[in-house]
Structure formats: C-alpha cells, structure tokens
Amino acid sequence: MGFNYKLHCRDFVLLFLTRIMRMISYGMLAVVFFQNLFFKGFSEMESSWIQTGIVFGDIFISLYLTTRADKIGRILTLMLGSLLKLITGLVYAESQN
C-alpha cells in the first residue's frame, strides 16, 4: 500500500485548475456585479455590505467543504461547489431587485 503518485498528481492538477478558474470568474464577476448594483440604485455602502456578505459566505462554504472533502469525496465536493455557484448565478440572473 504505497503512495500512488499518479492518482495524487491528477487530484492536485484538478484541484489547482478549478481553483484558478474560480479566481478568474470572481475577478470578472466583481466588476460586472458592482456596476450592476450601481445601475439598480444601490449606494456604495450597500454594495460594500453585499460584497462583505458574499466574502464571508464564501469563506464559510469553502471552509465547510474543504474540511469535509475527504469524507464525502473530492469529486463530489467540487460538483457540490459548482452546483451552489450555478444556483446563485441563476437566482441573481432572474432577480429584479
């Protein structure tokens, strides 16, 4: 029962690539998201509170998922995180306020 380098290398590459994709998507989303909030009439303070809530929510969800990734499976963890992001995007796209 030795260390399976190829299996761990594949997992590392998969996790690293998903992390890069998430960082790029957050960077692109931040610009559009705040511009949209200003167009909808939110003040700078309200927009800041919304962003703070988003950051703390992401920290909480990320911490929860990463501490349980080995227990529920890495692939399932990535799929769950992607599903949560998809749901959030759909709710935001369909919302009028």
N, C-alpha and C. Protein backbone atom coordinates (compact mmCIF):
# COMPACT_ATOMS: atom_id res chain seq x y z
N MET A 1 0.85 -1.18 0.00
CA MET A 1 0.00 0.00 0.00
C MET A 1 0.89 1.23 0.00
N GLY A 2 1.46 1.54 -1.16
CA GLY A 2 2.36 2.68 -1.28
C GLY A 2 1.63 3.92 -1.76
N PHE A 3 2.40 4.95 -1.92
CA PHE A 3 1.91 6.23 -2.37
C PHE A 3 1.69 6.19 -3.88
N ASN A 4 0.47 6.38 -4.32
CA ASN A 4 0.14 6.37 -5.74
C ASN A 4 0.32 7.78 -6.29
N TYR A 5 1.52 8.03 -6.84
CA TYR A 5 1.86 9.38 -7.31
C TYR A 5 0.93 9.86 -8.42
N LYS A 6 0.60 8.99 -9.36
CA LYS A 6 -0.25 9.40 -10.49
C LYS A 6 -1.64 9.79 -10.03
N LEU A 7 -2.20 9.07 -9.08
CA LEU A 7 -3.53 9.40 -8.58
C LEU A 7 -3.52 10.74 -7.85
N HIS A 8 -2.54 10.97 -7.01
CA HIS A 8 -2.46 12.22 -6.27
C HIS A 8 -2.10 13.38 -7.18
N CYS A 9 -1.28 13.15 -8.18
CA CYS A 9 -0.92 14.20 -9.13
C CYS A 9 -2.16 14.64 -9.91
N ARG A 10 -2.98 13.70 -10.31
CA ARG A 10 -4.21 14.03 -11.04
C ARG A 10 -5.15 14.85 -10.16
N ASP A 11 -5.31 14.46 -8.91
CA ASP A 11 -6.15 15.22 -7.98
C ASP A 11 -5.62 16.63 -7.77
N PHE A 12 -4.30 16.73 -7.61
CA PHE A 12 -3.69 18.04 -7.40
C PHE A 12 -3.94 18.94 -8.61
N VAL A 13 -3.72 18.43 -9.80
CA VAL A 13 -3.93 19.22 -11.01
C VAL A 13 -5.40 19.63 -11.13
N LEU A 14 -6.32 18.72 -10.85
CA LEU A 14 -7.74 19.02 -10.92
C LEU A 14 -8.13 20.10 -9.92
N LEU A 15 -7.69 19.97 -8.69
CA LEU A 15 -8.00 20.98 -7.67
C LEU A 15 -7.35 22.32 -8.01
N PHE A 16 -6.12 22.30 -8.50
CA PHE A 16 -5.42 23.53 -8.85
C PHE A 16 -6.12 24.25 -10.00
N LEU A 17 -6.52 23.51 -11.03
CA LEU A 17 -7.20 24.12 -12.17
C LEU A 17 -8.57 24.69 -11.78
N THR A 18 -9.31 23.99 -10.94
CA THR A 18 -10.60 24.51 -10.52
C THR A 18 -10.44 25.77 -9.67
N ARG A 19 -9.38 25.80 -8.88
CA ARG A 19 -9.10 27.00 -8.08
C ARG A 19 -8.77 28.19 -8.98
N ILE A 20 -7.97 27.97 -10.02
CA ILE A 20 -7.64 29.03 -10.97
C ILE A 20 -8.90 29.53 -11.67
N MET A 21 -9.74 28.61 -12.12
CA MET A 21 -10.97 29.01 -12.80
C MET A 21 -11.88 29.81 -11.88
N ARG A 22 -11.94 29.43 -10.62
CA ARG A 22 -12.77 30.15 -9.66
C ARG A 22 -12.24 31.55 -9.42
N MET A 23 -10.94 31.71 -9.31
CA MET A 23 -10.36 33.03 -9.08
C MET A 23 -10.60 33.94 -10.29
N ILE A 24 -10.46 33.41 -11.49
CA ILE A 24 -10.71 34.20 -12.69
C ILE A 24 -12.18 34.62 -12.75
N SER A 25 -13.07 33.69 -12.46
CA SER A 25 -14.51 34.02 -12.52
C SER A 25 -14.88 35.06 -11.47
N TYR A 26 -14.31 34.99 -10.26
CA TYR A 26 -14.59 36.00 -9.25
C TYR A 26 -14.07 37.37 -9.68
N GLY A 27 -12.91 37.39 -10.29
CA GLY A 27 -12.35 38.66 -10.75
C GLY A 27 -13.22 39.31 -11.82
N MET A 28 -13.69 38.51 -12.77
CA MET A 28 -14.56 39.05 -13.82
C MET A 28 -15.93 39.43 -13.26
N LEU A 29 -16.43 38.65 -12.33
CA LEU A 29 -17.75 38.91 -11.78
C LEU A 29 -17.78 40.17 -10.93
N ALA A 30 -16.72 40.45 -10.20
CA ALA A 30 -16.70 41.60 -9.30
C ALA A 30 -16.96 42.90 -10.05
N VAL A 31 -16.34 43.07 -11.20
CA VAL A 31 -16.50 44.29 -11.99
C VAL A 31 -17.94 44.44 -12.45
N VAL A 32 -18.49 43.40 -13.05
CA VAL A 32 -19.84 43.45 -13.58
C VAL A 32 -20.87 43.54 -12.46
N PHE A 33 -20.63 42.82 -11.38
CA PHE A 33 -21.59 42.77 -10.27
C PHE A 33 -21.78 44.15 -9.65
N PHE A 34 -20.70 44.85 -9.34
CA PHE A 34 -20.83 46.15 -8.71
C PHE A 34 -21.40 47.19 -9.66
N GLN A 35 -21.05 47.11 -10.92
CA GLN A 35 -21.62 48.04 -11.90
C GLN A 35 -23.13 47.84 -11.97
N ASN A 36 -23.57 46.59 -11.94
CA ASN A 36 -24.99 46.28 -11.98
C ASN A 36 -25.70 46.77 -10.72
N LEU A 37 -25.06 46.64 -9.57
CA LEU A 37 -25.67 47.14 -8.34
C LEU A 37 -25.85 48.66 -8.39
N PHE A 38 -24.88 49.37 -8.93
CA PHE A 38 -25.00 50.82 -9.05
C PHE A 38 -26.11 51.20 -10.02
N PHE A 39 -26.25 50.46 -11.12
CA PHE A 39 -27.34 50.72 -12.06
C PHE A 39 -28.71 50.47 -11.43
N LYS A 40 -28.77 49.56 -10.49
CA LYS A 40 -30.03 49.25 -9.82
C LYS A 40 -30.33 50.21 -8.67
N GLY A 41 -29.42 51.14 -8.40
CA GLY A 41 -29.69 52.17 -7.40
C GLY A 41 -29.09 51.92 -6.03
N PHE A 42 -28.24 50.93 -5.88
CA PHE A 42 -27.61 50.69 -4.59
C PHE A 42 -26.52 51.73 -4.34
N SER A 43 -26.38 52.14 -3.10
CA SER A 43 -25.31 53.07 -2.74
C SER A 43 -23.99 52.31 -2.60
N GLU A 44 -22.91 53.05 -2.46
CA GLU A 44 -21.61 52.41 -2.27
C GLU A 44 -21.58 51.61 -0.97
N MET A 45 -22.21 52.14 0.08
CA MET A 45 -22.23 51.45 1.37
C MET A 45 -23.03 50.15 1.28
N GLU A 46 -24.18 50.21 0.63
CA GLU A 46 -24.99 48.99 0.47
C GLU A 46 -24.24 47.95 -0.36
N SER A 47 -23.58 48.39 -1.43
CA SER A 47 -22.80 47.48 -2.26
C SER A 47 -21.67 46.85 -1.47
N SER A 48 -21.05 47.64 -0.60
CA SER A 48 -19.96 47.12 0.23
C SER A 48 -20.46 46.07 1.20
N TRP A 49 -21.62 46.28 1.79
CA TRP A 49 -22.19 45.28 2.71
C TRP A 49 -22.54 44.00 1.98
N ILE A 50 -23.06 44.13 0.77
CA ILE A 50 -23.37 42.95 -0.02
C ILE A 50 -22.10 42.17 -0.33
N GLN A 51 -21.04 42.89 -0.74
CA GLN A 51 -19.77 42.22 -1.03
C GLN A 51 -19.19 41.55 0.21
N THR A 52 -19.31 42.21 1.36
CA THR A 52 -18.82 41.62 2.61
C THR A 52 -19.57 40.33 2.92
N GLY A 53 -20.88 40.34 2.73
CA GLY A 53 -21.66 39.13 2.94
C GLY A 53 -21.27 38.01 2.00
N ILE A 54 -20.98 38.36 0.75
CA ILE A 54 -20.55 37.37 -0.23
C ILE A 54 -19.22 36.75 0.19
N VAL A 55 -18.29 37.59 0.62
CA VAL A 55 -16.97 37.09 1.01
C VAL A 55 -17.08 36.16 2.22
N PHE A 56 -17.82 36.59 3.25
CA PHE A 56 -17.95 35.74 4.44
C PHE A 56 -18.72 34.45 4.13
N GLY A 57 -19.72 34.53 3.28
CA GLY A 57 -20.44 33.33 2.88
C GLY A 57 -19.54 32.36 2.14
N ASP A 58 -18.70 32.91 1.25
CA ASP A 58 -17.76 32.06 0.52
C ASP A 58 -16.73 31.43 1.46
N ILE A 59 -16.26 32.20 2.41
CA ILE A 59 -15.31 31.65 3.38
C ILE A 59 -15.95 30.51 4.16
N PHE A 60 -17.17 30.71 4.61
CA PHE A 60 -17.87 29.68 5.39
C PHE A 60 -18.09 28.42 4.56
N ILE A 61 -18.61 28.59 3.34
CA ILE A 61 -18.88 27.42 2.50
C ILE A 61 -17.58 26.72 2.11
N SER A 62 -16.55 27.51 1.74
CA SER A 62 -15.28 26.91 1.36
C SER A 62 -14.65 26.14 2.52
N LEU A 63 -14.70 26.73 3.71
CA LEU A 63 -14.14 26.07 4.88
C LEU A 63 -14.90 24.78 5.18
N TYR A 64 -16.22 24.85 5.10
CA TYR A 64 -17.03 23.66 5.36
C TYR A 64 -16.73 22.55 4.35
N LEU A 65 -16.70 22.92 3.07
CA LEU A 65 -16.47 21.90 2.04
C LEU A 65 -15.05 21.33 2.09
N THR A 66 -14.06 22.17 2.32
CA THR A 66 -12.69 21.66 2.32
C THR A 66 -12.38 20.79 3.54
N THR A 67 -13.03 21.06 4.66
CA THR A 67 -12.78 20.23 5.84
C THR A 67 -13.50 18.89 5.75
N ARG A 68 -14.44 18.77 4.82
CA ARG A 68 -15.17 17.51 4.66
C ARG A 68 -14.94 16.86 3.30
N ALA A 69 -14.01 17.39 2.52
CA ALA A 69 -13.78 16.90 1.17
C ALA A 69 -13.36 15.43 1.15
N ASP A 70 -12.49 15.04 2.04
CA ASP A 70 -12.05 13.64 2.06
C ASP A 70 -13.16 12.71 2.52
N LYS A 71 -14.03 13.21 3.38
CA LYS A 71 -15.11 12.37 3.89
C LYS A 71 -16.19 12.13 2.83
N ILE A 72 -16.56 13.16 2.10
CA ILE A 72 -17.63 12.99 1.11
C ILE A 72 -17.10 12.78 -0.31
N GLY A 73 -15.80 12.91 -0.49
CA GLY A 73 -15.19 12.69 -1.80
C GLY A 73 -14.85 14.00 -2.48
N ARG A 74 -13.69 14.05 -3.08
CA ARG A 74 -13.22 15.30 -3.70
C ARG A 74 -14.04 15.69 -4.91
N ILE A 75 -14.35 14.71 -5.73
CA ILE A 75 -15.13 15.00 -6.94
C ILE A 75 -16.52 15.49 -6.55
N LEU A 76 -17.16 14.83 -5.59
CA LEU A 76 -18.48 15.26 -5.14
C LEU A 76 -18.41 16.66 -4.52
N THR A 77 -17.32 16.96 -3.82
CA THR A 77 -17.14 18.28 -3.24
C THR A 77 -17.07 19.35 -4.33
N LEU A 78 -16.30 19.08 -5.37
CA LEU A 78 -16.20 20.02 -6.49
C LEU A 78 -17.54 20.18 -7.20
N MET A 79 -18.26 19.09 -7.37
CA MET A 79 -19.56 19.16 -8.01
C MET A 79 -20.55 19.95 -7.16
N LEU A 80 -20.51 19.75 -5.84
CA LEU A 80 -21.40 20.48 -4.95
C LEU A 80 -21.10 21.98 -4.98
N GLY A 81 -19.82 22.33 -4.95
CA GLY A 81 -19.44 23.74 -5.04
C GLY A 81 -19.88 24.37 -6.35
N SER A 82 -19.73 23.64 -7.45
CA SER A 82 -20.16 24.13 -8.75
C SER A 82 -21.67 24.29 -8.80
N LEU A 83 -22.39 23.36 -8.23
CA LEU A 83 -23.86 23.44 -8.19
C LEU A 83 -24.31 24.66 -7.40
N LEU A 84 -23.68 24.92 -6.27
CA LEU A 84 -24.03 26.10 -5.47
C LEU A 84 -23.79 27.39 -6.25
N LYS A 85 -22.70 27.46 -6.98
CA LYS A 85 -22.40 28.64 -7.80
C LYS A 85 -23.41 28.79 -8.93
N LEU A 86 -23.80 27.69 -9.54
CA LEU A 86 -24.79 27.73 -10.61
C LEU A 86 -26.13 28.23 -10.10
N ILE A 87 -26.56 27.72 -8.96
CA ILE A 87 -27.83 28.16 -8.38
C ILE A 87 -27.79 29.64 -8.05
N THR A 88 -26.68 30.09 -7.47
CA THR A 88 -26.54 31.51 -7.13
C THR A 88 -26.61 32.37 -8.38
N GLY A 89 -25.92 31.97 -9.43
CA GLY A 89 -25.95 32.73 -10.68
C GLY A 89 -27.34 32.79 -11.29
N LEU A 90 -28.04 31.68 -11.27
CA LEU A 90 -29.40 31.66 -11.82
C LEU A 90 -30.35 32.54 -11.02
N VAL A 91 -30.25 32.49 -9.70
CA VAL A 91 -31.11 33.32 -8.86
C VAL A 91 -30.81 34.80 -9.11
N TYR A 92 -29.54 35.14 -9.19
CA TYR A 92 -29.16 36.53 -9.43
C TYR A 92 -29.62 36.98 -10.83
N ALA A 93 -29.49 36.13 -11.83
CA ALA A 93 -29.88 36.50 -13.19
C ALA A 93 -31.39 36.71 -13.31
N GLU A 94 -32.16 35.96 -12.55
CA GLU A 94 -33.61 36.06 -12.62
C GLU A 94 -34.19 37.11 -11.68
N SER A 95 -33.39 37.62 -10.76
CA SER A 95 -33.90 38.57 -9.77
C SER A 95 -33.99 39.97 -10.35
N GLN A 96 -34.98 40.70 -9.90
CA GLN A 96 -35.17 42.07 -10.35
C GLN A 96 -34.77 43.09 -9.28
N ASN A 97 -34.46 42.62 -8.07
CA ASN A 97 -34.08 43.57 -7.02
C ASN A 97 -32.88 43.06 -6.26
